[in-house]
């Protein structure tokens, strides 16, 4: 990677960012589990909008702080028994893929009927890291497969050859 970027790799900084990402990931899991409370303290439209820190801000203090604040807000709502829906009667799951971003208000229709969506699978299939099959390593790059251009240090990749871009993974 140093050869490609012409910059010296700061392994200590990488370890810090991996640790921050791990803590953020586990905090996300804790936060989303709070949505199981009755009444559900956070609506689906709001939950789907949390994809920004998940997808675009991971490994930043800002993303971690976002989930710290969100968790605190949800815990406060749970303590006050405040939910997204007054008189929640139904609990539904959104499993329909990507939301219709232009029509997140459609969830308001269901809310008006007493329905809440405390679960959706769109942007996260979150589980705590200790429950996932991820190899332990002190070198985060040791399992990194690279970008498919043969720049990965793990030996799992190789340069693509020719115009057909034949196999990027080595055998």
C-alpha atoms as a PDB file:
ATOM      1  CA  UNK A   1       0.000   0.000   0.000  1.00  0.00           C
ATOM      2  CA  UNK A   2       2.875   2.373   0.751  1.00  0.00           C
ATOM      3  CA  UNK A   3       4.169   1.802  -2.762  1.00  0.00           C
ATOM      4  CA  UNK A   4       0.780   2.674  -4.238  1.00  0.00           C
ATOM      5  CA  UNK A   5       0.110   5.750  -2.087  1.00  0.00           C
ATOM      6  CA  UNK A   6       3.708   6.935  -1.758  1.00  0.00           C
ATOM      7  CA  UNK A   7       3.000   7.448   1.946  1.00  0.00           C
ATOM      8  CA  UNK A   8       4.357   5.604   4.957  1.00  0.00           C
ATOM      9  CA  UNK A   9       1.750   3.429   6.616  1.00  0.00           C
ATOM     10  CA  UNK A  10       0.857   4.549  10.145  1.00  0.00           C
ATOM     11  CA  UNK A  11      -0.031   1.199  11.704  1.00  0.00           C
ATOM     12  CA  UNK A  12      -0.766   2.706  15.103  1.00  0.00           C
ATOM     13  CA  UNK A  13      -3.318   5.056  13.547  1.00  0.00           C
ATOM     14  CA  UNK A  14      -4.835   2.162  11.589  1.00  0.00           C
ATOM     15  CA  UNK A  15      -5.219   0.137  14.800  1.00  0.00           C
ATOM     16  CA  UNK A  16      -6.906   3.146  16.458  1.00  0.00           C
ATOM     17  CA  UNK A  17      -9.359   3.467  13.576  1.00  0.00           C
ATOM     18  CA  UNK A  18     -10.125  -0.248  13.535  1.00  0.00           C
ATOM     19  CA  UNK A  19     -10.735  -0.111  17.297  1.00  0.00           C
ATOM     20  CA  UNK A  20     -12.984   2.946  16.879  1.00  0.00           C
ATOM     21  CA  UNK A  21     -14.901   1.167  14.112  1.00  0.00           C
ATOM     22  CA  UNK A  22     -15.305  -1.929  16.301  1.00  0.00           C
ATOM     23  CA  UNK A  23     -16.612   0.147  19.214  1.00  0.00           C
ATOM     24  CA  UNK A  24     -18.966   2.045  16.894  1.00  0.00           C
ATOM     25  CA  UNK A  25     -20.268  -1.206  15.401  1.00  0.00           C
ATOM     26  CA  UNK A  26     -21.001  -2.696  18.823  1.00  0.00           C
ATOM     27  CA  UNK A  27     -22.629   0.570  19.946  1.00  0.00           C
ATOM     28  CA  UNK A  28     -24.865   0.447  16.853  1.00  0.00           C
ATOM     29  CA  UNK A  29     -26.006  -3.017  17.891  1.00  0.00           C
ATOM     30  CA  UNK A  30     -26.789  -1.846  21.427  1.00  0.00           C
ATOM     31  CA  UNK A  31     -28.631   1.196  20.070  1.00  0.00           C
ATOM     32  CA  UNK A  32     -30.790  -0.690  17.573  1.00  0.00           C
ATOM     33  CA  UNK A  33     -31.752  -3.271  20.181  1.00  0.00           C
ATOM     34  CA  UNK A  34     -33.401  -0.412  22.090  1.00  0.00           C
ATOM     35  CA  UNK A  35     -35.946  -0.201  19.278  1.00  0.00           C
ATOM     36  CA  UNK A  36     -37.469  -3.422  20.637  1.00  0.00           C
ATOM     37  CA  UNK A  37     -38.960  -1.435  23.526  1.00  0.00           C
ATOM     38  CA  UNK A  38     -42.709  -0.904  23.543  1.00  0.00           C
ATOM     39  CA  UNK A  39     -43.535   1.630  22.392  1.00  0.00           C
ATOM     40  CA  UNK A  40     -40.772   1.785  19.787  1.00  0.00           C
ATOM     41  CA  UNK A  41     -38.732   4.905  20.573  1.00  0.00           C
ATOM     42  CA  UNK A  42     -37.517   5.579  17.024  1.00  0.00           C
ATOM     43  CA  UNK A  43     -39.333   5.394  13.725  1.00  0.00           C
ATOM     44  CA  UNK A  44     -38.153   3.593  10.646  1.00  0.00           C
ATOM     45  CA  UNK A  45     -37.596   6.761   8.637  1.00  0.00           C
ATOM     46  CA  UNK A  46     -35.227   8.034  11.326  1.00  0.00           C
ATOM     47  CA  UNK A  47     -33.558   4.643  11.653  1.00  0.00           C
ATOM     48  CA  UNK A  48     -32.954   4.419   7.917  1.00  0.00           C
ATOM     49  CA  UNK A  49     -31.354   7.846   7.955  1.00  0.00           C
ATOM     50  CA  UNK A  50     -28.700   6.535  10.337  1.00  0.00           C
ATOM     51  CA  UNK A  51     -27.118   4.922   7.285  1.00  0.00           C
ATOM     52  CA  UNK A  52     -25.066   8.092   6.788  1.00  0.00           C
ATOM     53  CA  UNK A  53     -22.727   7.537   9.746  1.00  0.00           C
ATOM     54  CA  UNK A  54     -22.748   3.785   9.095  1.00  0.00           C
ATOM     55  CA  UNK A  55     -21.875   3.966   5.412  1.00  0.00           C
ATOM     56  CA  UNK A  56     -19.979   7.227   5.083  1.00  0.00           C
ATOM     57  CA  UNK A  57     -18.488   8.095   8.465  1.00  0.00           C
ATOM     58  CA  UNK A  58     -17.304   4.815   9.966  1.00  0.00           C
ATOM     59  CA  UNK A  59     -13.910   5.038  11.691  1.00  0.00           C
ATOM     60  CA  UNK A  60     -14.608   8.625  12.761  1.00  0.00           C
ATOM     61  CA  UNK A  61     -15.223   9.996  16.222  1.00  0.00           C
ATOM     62  CA  UNK A  62     -18.232  11.786  14.756  1.00  0.00           C
ATOM     63  CA  UNK A  63     -19.936   8.473  13.893  1.00  0.00           C
ATOM     64  CA  UNK A  64     -19.193   7.054  17.334  1.00  0.00           C
ATOM     65  CA  UNK A  65     -20.505  10.184  19.046  1.00  0.00           C
ATOM     66  CA  UNK A  66     -23.628  10.103  16.870  1.00  0.00           C
ATOM     67  CA  UNK A  67     -24.506   6.634  18.186  1.00  0.00           C
ATOM     68  CA  UNK A  68     -23.622   7.592  21.780  1.00  0.00           C
ATOM     69  CA  UNK A  69     -26.079  10.495  21.542  1.00  0.00           C
ATOM     70  CA  UNK A  70     -28.720   8.422  19.751  1.00  0.00           C
ATOM     71  CA  UNK A  71     -28.513   5.656  22.348  1.00  0.00           C
ATOM     72  CA  UNK A  72     -28.888   8.191  25.150  1.00  0.00           C
ATOM     73  CA  UNK A  73     -31.898   9.780  23.401  1.00  0.00           C
ATOM     74  CA  UNK A  74     -33.596   6.400  22.931  1.00  0.00           C
ATOM     75  CA  UNK A  75     -32.933   5.391  26.545  1.00  0.00           C
ATOM     76  CA  UNK A  76     -34.522   8.651  27.704  1.00  0.00           C
ATOM     77  CA  UNK A  77     -37.576   8.049  25.513  1.00  0.00           C
ATOM     78  CA  UNK A  78     -37.897   4.498  26.819  1.00  0.00           C
ATOM     79  CA  UNK A  79     -37.746   5.738  30.417  1.00  0.00           C
ATOM     80  CA  UNK A  80     -40.557   8.213  29.656  1.00  0.00           C
ATOM     81  CA  UNK A  81     -42.468   5.561  27.647  1.00  0.00           C
ATOM     82  CA  UNK A  82     -42.379   7.831  24.587  1.00  0.00           C
ATOM     83  CA  UNK A  83     -42.702   6.150  21.235  1.00  0.00           C
ATOM     84  CA  UNK A  84     -42.900   7.106  17.596  1.00  0.00           C
ATOM     85  CA  UNK A  85     -46.540   5.997  17.599  1.00  0.00           C
ATOM     86  CA  UNK A  86     -49.083   7.007  20.181  1.00  0.00           C
ATOM     87  CA  UNK A  87     -51.009   3.906  21.286  1.00  0.00           C
ATOM     88  CA  UNK A  88     -48.849   1.424  19.386  1.00  0.00           C
ATOM     89  CA  UNK A  89     -51.014  -1.560  18.380  1.00  0.00           C
ATOM     90  CA  UNK A  90     -49.003  -3.346  15.684  1.00  0.00           C
ATOM     91  CA  UNK A  91     -45.347  -4.169  15.183  1.00  0.00           C
ATOM     92  CA  UNK A  92     -44.176  -4.655  11.617  1.00  0.00           C
ATOM     93  CA  UNK A  93     -40.834  -5.413   9.992  1.00  0.00           C
ATOM     94  CA  UNK A  94     -39.541  -3.600   6.937  1.00  0.00           C
ATOM     95  CA  UNK A  95     -37.771  -6.133   4.763  1.00  0.00           C
ATOM     96  CA  UNK A  96     -38.472  -4.506   1.441  1.00  0.00           C
ATOM     97  CA  UNK A  97     -34.937  -3.511   0.579  1.00  0.00           C
ATOM     98  CA  UNK A  98     -33.980   0.068  -0.020  1.00  0.00           C
ATOM     99  CA  UNK A  99     -36.467   2.622   1.215  1.00  0.00           C
ATOM    100  CA  UNK A 100     -38.268   4.912  -1.154  1.00  0.00           C
ATOM    101  CA  UNK A 101     -36.238   7.896  -0.013  1.00  0.00           C
ATOM    102  CA  UNK A 102     -38.649  10.287  -1.678  1.00  0.00           C
ATOM    103  CA  UNK A 103     -41.523   8.719   0.259  1.00  0.00           C
ATOM    104  CA  UNK A 104     -40.323   8.024   3.802  1.00  0.00           C
ATOM    105  CA  UNK A 105     -43.522   9.728   4.891  1.00  0.00           C
ATOM    106  CA  UNK A 106     -45.339   6.590   3.711  1.00  0.00           C
ATOM    107  CA  UNK A 107     -44.400   5.128   7.079  1.00  0.00           C
ATOM    108  CA  UNK A 108     -46.563   7.849   8.626  1.00  0.00           C
ATOM    109  CA  UNK A 109     -49.623   6.152   7.105  1.00  0.00           C
ATOM    110  CA  UNK A 110     -48.869   2.980   9.044  1.00  0.00           C
ATOM    111  CA  UNK A 111     -48.032   5.019  12.142  1.00  0.00           C
ATOM    112  CA  UNK A 112     -51.463   6.690  11.905  1.00  0.00           C
ATOM    113  CA  UNK A 113     -53.019   3.213  12.120  1.00  0.00           C
ATOM    114  CA  UNK A 114     -51.049   2.389  15.282  1.00  0.00           C
ATOM    115  CA  UNK A 115     -48.289   0.446  13.533  1.00  0.00           C
ATOM    116  CA  UNK A 116     -44.587   0.737  14.214  1.00  0.00           C
ATOM    117  CA  UNK A 117     -41.621  -0.753  12.361  1.00  0.00           C
ATOM    118  CA  UNK A 118     -39.098  -1.529  15.111  1.00  0.00           C
ATOM    119  CA  UNK A 119     -37.025  -3.689  12.742  1.00  0.00           C
ATOM    120  CA  UNK A 120     -35.688  -3.193   9.246  1.00  0.00           C
ATOM    121  CA  UNK A 121     -32.943  -5.005   7.408  1.00  0.00           C
ATOM    122  CA  UNK A 122     -32.055  -2.420   4.827  1.00  0.00           C
ATOM    123  CA  UNK A 123     -28.638  -1.124   5.863  1.00  0.00           C
ATOM    124  CA  UNK A 124     -27.584  -3.353   8.648  1.00  0.00           C
ATOM    125  CA  UNK A 125     -27.584  -6.907   9.671  1.00  0.00           C
ATOM    126  CA  UNK A 126     -25.887  -5.872  12.869  1.00  0.00           C
ATOM    127  CA  UNK A 127     -24.550  -8.312  15.398  1.00  0.00           C
ATOM    128  CA  UNK A 128     -21.911  -7.681  18.038  1.00  0.00           C
ATOM    129  CA  UNK A 129     -18.445  -8.359  16.672  1.00  0.00           C
ATOM    130  CA  UNK A 130     -17.810 -11.108  19.210  1.00  0.00           C
ATOM    131  CA  UNK A 131     -20.728 -13.041  17.666  1.00  0.00           C
ATOM    132  CA  UNK A 132     -19.329 -12.809  14.141  1.00  0.00           C
ATOM    133  CA  UNK A 133     -16.790 -15.112  12.535  1.00  0.00           C
ATOM    134  CA  UNK A 134     -14.013 -12.549  12.226  1.00  0.00           C
ATOM    135  CA  UNK A 135     -10.446 -13.707  12.776  1.00  0.00           C
ATOM    136  CA  UNK A 136      -8.554 -12.105  15.645  1.00  0.00           C
ATOM    137  CA  UNK A 137      -5.507 -10.188  14.503  1.00  0.00           C
ATOM    138  CA  UNK A 138      -3.111  -7.579  15.755  1.00  0.00           C
ATOM    139  CA  UNK A 139      -2.423  -6.602  12.148  1.00  0.00           C
ATOM    140  CA  UNK A 140      -5.623  -5.316  10.531  1.00  0.00           C
ATOM    141  CA  UNK A 141      -4.057  -5.566   7.083  1.00  0.00           C
ATOM    142  CA  UNK A 142      -3.290  -9.259   7.427  1.00  0.00           C
ATOM    143  CA  UNK A 143      -6.799 -10.234   6.361  1.00  0.00           C
ATOM    144  CA  UNK A 144      -7.471  -7.321   4.023  1.00  0.00           C
ATOM    145  CA  UNK A 145      -8.090  -8.671   0.530  1.00  0.00           C
ATOM    146  CA  UNK A 146      -7.205  -5.397  -1.164  1.00  0.00           C
ATOM    147  CA  UNK A 147      -9.027  -3.587  -3.902  1.00  0.00           C
ATOM    148  CA  UNK A 148      -8.977  -6.320  -6.500  1.00  0.00           C
ATOM    149  CA  UNK A 149      -6.114  -4.642  -8.305  1.00  0.00           C
ATOM    150  CA  UNK A 150      -3.449  -6.746  -6.684  1.00  0.00           C
ATOM    151  CA  UNK A 151      -2.578  -4.209  -4.017  1.00  0.00           C
ATOM    152  CA  UNK A 152      -3.715  -6.262  -1.026  1.00  0.00           C
ATOM    153  CA  UNK A 153      -0.928  -7.413   1.306  1.00  0.00           C
ATOM    154  CA  UNK A 154      -2.553 -10.713   2.193  1.00  0.00           C
ATOM    155  CA  UNK A 155      -1.607 -12.467  -1.017  1.00  0.00           C
ATOM    156  CA  UNK A 156      -5.288 -13.133  -1.755  1.00  0.00           C
ATOM    157  CA  UNK A 157      -5.322 -10.790  -4.706  1.00  0.00           C
ATOM    158  CA  UNK A 158      -3.358 -10.362  -7.860  1.00  0.00           C
ATOM    159  CA  UNK A 159      -3.296  -7.874 -10.672  1.00  0.00           C
ATOM    160  CA  UNK A 160      -6.058  -8.217 -13.185  1.00  0.00           C
ATOM    161  CA  UNK A 161      -4.787  -9.160 -16.570  1.00  0.00           C
ATOM    162  CA  UNK A 162      -5.858  -8.126 -20.042  1.00  0.00           C
ATOM    163  CA  UNK A 163      -8.960  -6.345 -21.213  1.00  0.00           C
ATOM    164  CA  UNK A 164     -11.268  -9.062 -19.876  1.00  0.00           C
ATOM    165  CA  UNK A 165     -10.001  -8.359 -16.364  1.00  0.00           C
ATOM    166  CA  UNK A 166      -9.808 -12.080 -15.682  1.00  0.00           C
ATOM    167  CA  UNK A 167      -9.608 -13.459 -12.174  1.00  0.00           C
ATOM    168  CA  UNK A 168      -8.734 -11.005  -9.465  1.00  0.00           C
ATOM    169  CA  UNK A 169      -8.417 -13.708  -6.793  1.00  0.00           C
ATOM    170  CA  UNK A 170      -5.517 -16.071  -6.761  1.00  0.00           C
ATOM    171  CA  UNK A 171      -6.124 -19.784  -6.402  1.00  0.00           C
END
